[in-house]
PDB file of N, CA and C in Angstrom:
ATOM      1  N   UNK A   1     -14.130   9.913 -23.819  1.00  0.00           N
ATOM      2  CA  UNK A   1     -13.062   8.497 -24.047  1.00  0.00           C
ATOM      3  C   UNK A   1     -14.474   7.428 -24.392  1.00  0.00           C
ATOM      4  N   UNK A   2     -15.660   6.940 -24.436  1.00  0.00           N
ATOM      5  CA  UNK A   2     -16.043   6.150 -24.912  1.00  0.00           C
ATOM      6  C   UNK A   2     -17.783   5.866 -24.287  1.00  0.00           C
ATOM      7  N   UNK A   3     -18.505   5.198 -24.267  1.00  0.00           N
ATOM      8  CA  UNK A   3     -19.618   5.314 -23.671  1.00  0.00           C
ATOM      9  C   UNK A   3     -20.207   6.014 -21.749  1.00  0.00           C
ATOM     10  N   UNK A   4     -18.568   5.854 -21.053  1.00  0.00           N
ATOM     11  CA  UNK A   4     -18.737   5.912 -19.814  1.00  0.00           C
ATOM     12  C   UNK A   4     -18.498   7.395 -19.840  1.00  0.00           C
ATOM     13  N   UNK A   5     -18.308   8.204 -20.559  1.00  0.00           N
ATOM     14  CA  UNK A   5     -17.579   9.978 -20.138  1.00  0.00           C
ATOM     15  C   UNK A   5     -16.997  10.497 -21.076  1.00  0.00           C
ATOM     16  N   UNK A   6     -17.074  11.477 -20.857  1.00  0.00           N
ATOM     17  CA  UNK A   6     -15.608  12.541 -21.666  1.00  0.00           C
ATOM     18  C   UNK A   6     -14.184  11.825 -20.599  1.00  0.00           C
ATOM     19  N   UNK A   7     -13.727  12.069 -21.314  1.00  0.00           N
ATOM     20  CA  UNK A   7     -12.220  11.786 -20.215  1.00  0.00           C
ATOM     21  C   UNK A   7     -11.709  12.493 -18.710  1.00  0.00           C
ATOM     22  N   UNK A   8     -12.342  13.805 -18.684  1.00  0.00           N
ATOM     23  CA  UNK A   8     -12.714  14.369 -17.288  1.00  0.00           C
ATOM     24  C   UNK A   8     -13.934  13.746 -16.457  1.00  0.00           C
ATOM     25  N   UNK A   9     -14.927  13.347 -17.284  1.00  0.00           N
ATOM     26  CA  UNK A   9     -16.211  13.161 -16.577  1.00  0.00           C
ATOM     27  C   UNK A   9     -15.809  11.471 -16.079  1.00  0.00           C
ATOM     28  N   UNK A  10     -15.013  10.434 -16.706  1.00  0.00           N
ATOM     29  CA  UNK A  10     -14.138   9.351 -16.582  1.00  0.00           C
ATOM     30  C   UNK A  10     -14.128   9.436 -15.367  1.00  0.00           C
ATOM     31  N   UNK A  11     -12.467  10.663 -15.179  1.00  0.00           N
ATOM     32  CA  UNK A  11     -11.698  10.626 -14.366  1.00  0.00           C
ATOM     33  C   UNK A  11     -12.100  11.072 -12.728  1.00  0.00           C
ATOM     34  N   UNK A  12     -13.094  12.071 -12.794  1.00  0.00           N
ATOM     35  CA  UNK A  12     -14.012  12.303 -11.943  1.00  0.00           C
ATOM     36  C   UNK A  12     -14.940  10.821 -11.398  1.00  0.00           C
ATOM     37  N   UNK A  13     -15.268  10.525 -11.243  1.00  0.00           N
ATOM     38  CA  UNK A  13     -15.960   8.750 -11.787  1.00  0.00           C
ATOM     39  C   UNK A  13     -15.223   7.952 -11.371  1.00  0.00           C
ATOM     40  N   UNK A  14     -13.992   7.800 -11.519  1.00  0.00           N
ATOM     41  CA  UNK A  14     -12.745   6.874 -11.226  1.00  0.00           C
ATOM     42  C   UNK A  14     -12.688   7.554  -9.645  1.00  0.00           C
ATOM     43  N   UNK A  15     -12.343   9.017  -9.103  1.00  0.00           N
ATOM     44  CA  UNK A  15     -12.020   9.674  -8.019  1.00  0.00           C
ATOM     45  C   UNK A  15     -13.229   9.229  -6.498  1.00  0.00           C
ATOM     46  N   UNK A  16     -14.626   9.513  -7.399  1.00  0.00           N
ATOM     47  CA  UNK A  16     -15.216   8.770  -6.309  1.00  0.00           C
ATOM     48  C   UNK A  16     -15.748   7.320  -5.780  1.00  0.00           C
ATOM     49  N   UNK A  17     -15.025   6.971  -7.321  1.00  0.00           N
ATOM     50  CA  UNK A  17     -15.149   5.353  -6.444  1.00  0.00           C
ATOM     51  C   UNK A  17     -14.232   5.098  -5.997  1.00  0.00           C
ATOM     52  N   UNK A  18     -13.320   5.593  -6.654  1.00  0.00           N
ATOM     53  CA  UNK A  18     -12.250   5.525  -5.239  1.00  0.00           C
ATOM     54  C   UNK A  18     -12.060   5.918  -3.440  1.00  0.00           C
ATOM     55  N   UNK A  19     -13.178   7.110  -3.749  1.00  0.00           N
ATOM     56  CA  UNK A  19     -13.247   8.111  -1.886  1.00  0.00           C
ATOM     57  C   UNK A  19     -14.142   6.778  -1.590  1.00  0.00           C
ATOM     58  N   UNK A  20     -14.929   5.980  -2.531  1.00  0.00           N
ATOM     59  CA  UNK A  20     -15.728   4.609  -0.972  1.00  0.00           C
ATOM     60  C   UNK A  20     -14.853   3.739  -1.094  1.00  0.00           C
ATOM     61  N   UNK A  21     -13.954   3.423  -1.485  1.00  0.00           N
ATOM     62  CA  UNK A  21     -12.907   2.107  -1.053  1.00  0.00           C
ATOM     63  C   UNK A  21     -11.371   2.082  -0.428  1.00  0.00           C
ATOM     64  N   UNK A  22     -11.689   2.309   0.819  1.00  0.00           N
ATOM     65  CA  UNK A  22     -10.778   2.834   1.906  1.00  0.00           C
ATOM     66  C   UNK A  22      -9.686   1.237   1.587  1.00  0.00           C
ATOM     67  N   UNK A  23     -10.178   0.390   1.396  1.00  0.00           N
ATOM     68  CA  UNK A  23      -8.880  -0.456   1.118  1.00  0.00           C
ATOM     69  C   UNK A  23      -7.942   0.029   0.562  1.00  0.00           C
ATOM     70  N   UNK A  24      -8.350   0.209  -0.595  1.00  0.00           N
ATOM     71  CA  UNK A  24      -7.782   0.844  -2.244  1.00  0.00           C
ATOM     72  C   UNK A  24      -7.168   2.155  -1.757  1.00  0.00           C
ATOM     73  N   UNK A  25      -7.664   3.119  -1.140  1.00  0.00           N
ATOM     74  CA  UNK A  25      -7.066   4.504  -0.217  1.00  0.00           C
ATOM     75  C   UNK A  25      -5.495   3.992   0.621  1.00  0.00           C
ATOM     76  N   UNK A  26      -6.632   2.918   1.536  1.00  0.00           N
ATOM     77  CA  UNK A  26      -4.630   2.333   2.406  1.00  0.00           C
ATOM     78  C   UNK A  26      -3.705   2.234   1.679  1.00  0.00           C
ATOM     79  N   UNK A  27      -3.910   1.367  -0.109  1.00  0.00           N
ATOM     80  CA  UNK A  27      -2.986   1.011  -0.599  1.00  0.00           C
ATOM     81  C   UNK A  27      -2.242   2.428  -1.663  1.00  0.00           C
ATOM     82  N   UNK A  28      -2.919   2.783  -1.290  1.00  0.00           N
ATOM     83  CA  UNK A  28      -1.968   3.918  -2.076  1.00  0.00           C
ATOM     84  C   UNK A  28      -0.840   5.047  -1.227  1.00  0.00           C
ATOM     85  N   UNK A  29      -0.543   4.529   0.151  1.00  0.00           N
ATOM     86  CA  UNK A  29       0.868   4.954   0.341  1.00  0.00           C
ATOM     87  C   UNK A  29       2.415   4.031  -0.275  1.00  0.00           C
ATOM     88  N   UNK A  30       2.003   3.039  -0.367  1.00  0.00           N
ATOM     89  CA  UNK A  30       3.226   2.249  -1.867  1.00  0.00           C
ATOM     90  C   UNK A  30       3.212   3.355  -2.902  1.00  0.00           C
ATOM     91  N   UNK A  31       2.590   4.268  -3.171  1.00  0.00           N
ATOM     92  CA  UNK A  31       2.856   5.150  -4.715  1.00  0.00           C
ATOM     93  C   UNK A  31       3.315   6.350  -4.245  1.00  0.00           C
ATOM     94  N   UNK A  32       3.319   6.550  -2.924  1.00  0.00           N
ATOM     95  CA  UNK A  32       3.631   8.024  -2.520  1.00  0.00           C
ATOM     96  C   UNK A  32       5.242   8.660  -2.799  1.00  0.00           C
ATOM     97  N   UNK A  33       5.625   9.247  -3.286  1.00  0.00           N
ATOM     98  CA  UNK A  33       6.778   9.506  -3.814  1.00  0.00           C
ATOM     99  C   UNK A  33       7.621   8.962  -5.180  1.00  0.00           C
ATOM    100  N   UNK A  34       6.322   8.070  -5.690  1.00  0.00           N
ATOM    101  CA  UNK A  34       6.783   7.762  -7.338  1.00  0.00           C
ATOM    102  C   UNK A  34       6.464   8.103  -8.039  1.00  0.00           C
ATOM    103  N   UNK A  35       7.047   7.748  -8.958  1.00  0.00           N
ATOM    104  CA  UNK A  35       6.725   7.950 -11.080  1.00  0.00           C
ATOM    105  C   UNK A  35       5.440   7.158 -10.716  1.00  0.00           C
ATOM    106  N   UNK A  36       4.578   7.360 -11.064  1.00  0.00           N
ATOM    107  CA  UNK A  36       3.409   6.658 -12.297  1.00  0.00           C
ATOM    108  C   UNK A  36       3.362   7.039 -13.848  1.00  0.00           C
ATOM    109  N   UNK A  37       3.217   5.820 -14.266  1.00  0.00           N
ATOM    110  CA  UNK A  37       4.023   5.928 -16.173  1.00  0.00           C
ATOM    111  C   UNK A  37       2.367   5.350 -16.418  1.00  0.00           C
ATOM    112  N   UNK A  38       1.948   6.519 -17.717  1.00  0.00           N
ATOM    113  CA  UNK A  38       0.840   5.589 -18.153  1.00  0.00           C
ATOM    114  C   UNK A  38       1.396   6.601 -19.948  1.00  0.00           C
ATOM    115  N   UNK A  39      -0.134   5.528 -20.321  1.00  0.00           N
ATOM    116  CA  UNK A  39       0.019   5.779 -22.306  1.00  0.00           C
ATOM    117  C   UNK A  39      -0.581   7.163 -22.584  1.00  0.00           C
ATOM    118  N   UNK A  40      -1.655   7.816 -21.194  1.00  0.00           N
ATOM    119  CA  UNK A  40      -2.310   8.239 -21.723  1.00  0.00           C
ATOM    120  C   UNK A  40      -1.547  10.174 -21.986  1.00  0.00           C
ATOM    121  N   UNK A  41      -0.356   9.991 -20.838  1.00  0.00           N
ATOM    122  CA  UNK A  41       0.408  11.267 -21.104  1.00  0.00           C
ATOM    123  C   UNK A  41       0.588  11.594 -21.969  1.00  0.00           C
ATOM    124  N   UNK A  42       0.202  12.866 -21.932  1.00  0.00           N
ATOM    125  CA  UNK A  42       0.590  14.190 -21.303  1.00  0.00           C
ATOM    126  C   UNK A  42      -1.267  14.518 -20.875  1.00  0.00           C
ATOM    127  N   UNK A  43      -1.862  13.689 -21.488  1.00  0.00           N
ATOM    128  CA  UNK A  43      -3.387  14.131 -20.912  1.00  0.00           C
ATOM    129  C   UNK A  43      -3.689  13.518 -19.834  1.00  0.00           C
ATOM    130  N   UNK A  44      -4.588  14.111 -19.248  1.00  0.00           N
ATOM    131  CA  UNK A  44      -5.534  14.002 -17.896  1.00  0.00           C
ATOM    132  C   UNK A  44      -5.591  12.374 -17.981  1.00  0.00           C
ATOM    133  N   UNK A  45      -5.186  11.891 -17.007  1.00  0.00           N
ATOM    134  CA  UNK A  45      -5.546  10.318 -16.740  1.00  0.00           C
ATOM    135  C   UNK A  45      -6.109   9.974 -15.221  1.00  0.00           C
ATOM    136  N   UNK A  46      -6.393   8.600 -14.899  1.00  0.00           N
ATOM    137  CA  UNK A  46      -6.555   8.397 -13.178  1.00  0.00           C
ATOM    138  C   UNK A  46      -5.881   7.936 -12.808  1.00  0.00           C
ATOM    139  N   UNK A  47      -4.269   8.062 -13.027  1.00  0.00           N
ATOM    140  CA  UNK A  47      -3.336   7.890 -12.772  1.00  0.00           C
ATOM    141  C   UNK A  47      -2.284   9.034 -11.910  1.00  0.00           C
ATOM    142  N   UNK A  48      -2.899  10.321 -12.763  1.00  0.00           N
ATOM    143  CA  UNK A  48      -3.371  11.579 -11.896  1.00  0.00           C
ATOM    144  C   UNK A  48      -3.597  11.455 -10.547  1.00  0.00           C
ATOM    145  N   UNK A  49      -4.482  11.036 -10.290  1.00  0.00           N
ATOM    146  CA  UNK A  49      -5.815  11.247  -9.495  1.00  0.00           C
ATOM    147  C   UNK A  49      -4.578  10.373  -7.940  1.00  0.00           C
ATOM    148  N   UNK A  50      -4.937   8.692  -8.632  1.00  0.00           N
ATOM    149  CA  UNK A  50      -3.786   8.050  -7.525  1.00  0.00           C
ATOM    150  C   UNK A  50      -2.547   9.071  -7.110  1.00  0.00           C
ATOM    151  N   UNK A  51      -1.664   9.198  -7.937  1.00  0.00           N
ATOM    152  CA  UNK A  51      -0.622  10.028  -7.665  1.00  0.00           C
ATOM    153  C   UNK A  51      -0.988  11.295  -6.342  1.00  0.00           C
ATOM    154  N   UNK A  52      -1.975  11.812  -6.805  1.00  0.00           N
ATOM    155  CA  UNK A  52      -2.313  13.020  -6.228  1.00  0.00           C
ATOM    156  C   UNK A  52      -2.433  12.743  -4.757  1.00  0.00           C
ATOM    157  N   UNK A  53      -3.139  11.407  -4.667  1.00  0.00           N
ATOM    158  CA  UNK A  53      -4.017  11.042  -3.453  1.00  0.00           C
ATOM    159  C   UNK A  53      -2.681  10.884  -2.714  1.00  0.00           C
ATOM    160  N   UNK A  54      -1.965  10.027  -3.426  1.00  0.00           N
ATOM    161  CA  UNK A  54      -1.153   9.176  -2.666  1.00  0.00           C
ATOM    162  C   UNK A  54      -0.265   9.655  -1.711  1.00  0.00           C
ATOM    163  N   UNK A  55      -0.039  10.740  -2.831  1.00  0.00           N
ATOM    164  CA  UNK A  55       0.823  12.216  -2.360  1.00  0.00           C
ATOM    165  C   UNK A  55       0.786  13.279  -1.432  1.00  0.00           C
ATOM    166  N   UNK A  56      -0.550  13.024  -0.961  1.00  0.00           N
ATOM    167  CA  UNK A  56      -1.564  14.133   0.313  1.00  0.00           C
ATOM    168  C   UNK A  56      -1.393  13.924   1.888  1.00  0.00           C
ATOM    169  N   UNK A  57      -1.473  12.467   1.695  1.00  0.00           N
ATOM    170  CA  UNK A  57      -1.132  12.227   2.992  1.00  0.00           C
ATOM    171  C   UNK A  57       0.021  12.268   3.713  1.00  0.00           C
TER     172      UNK A  57
END
């Protein structure tokens, strides 16, 4: 994806960053059971991480 790494690396970095942001993790409840659309689809995306974490709880 550029200077920050490959798509997989950038998504992993986003996941790690998000794990260190309790306020943002709490806000993920608002995404539960919703559709999140991104222009990255059908490729992997940071949005996939958001929806995955939102639907885990």
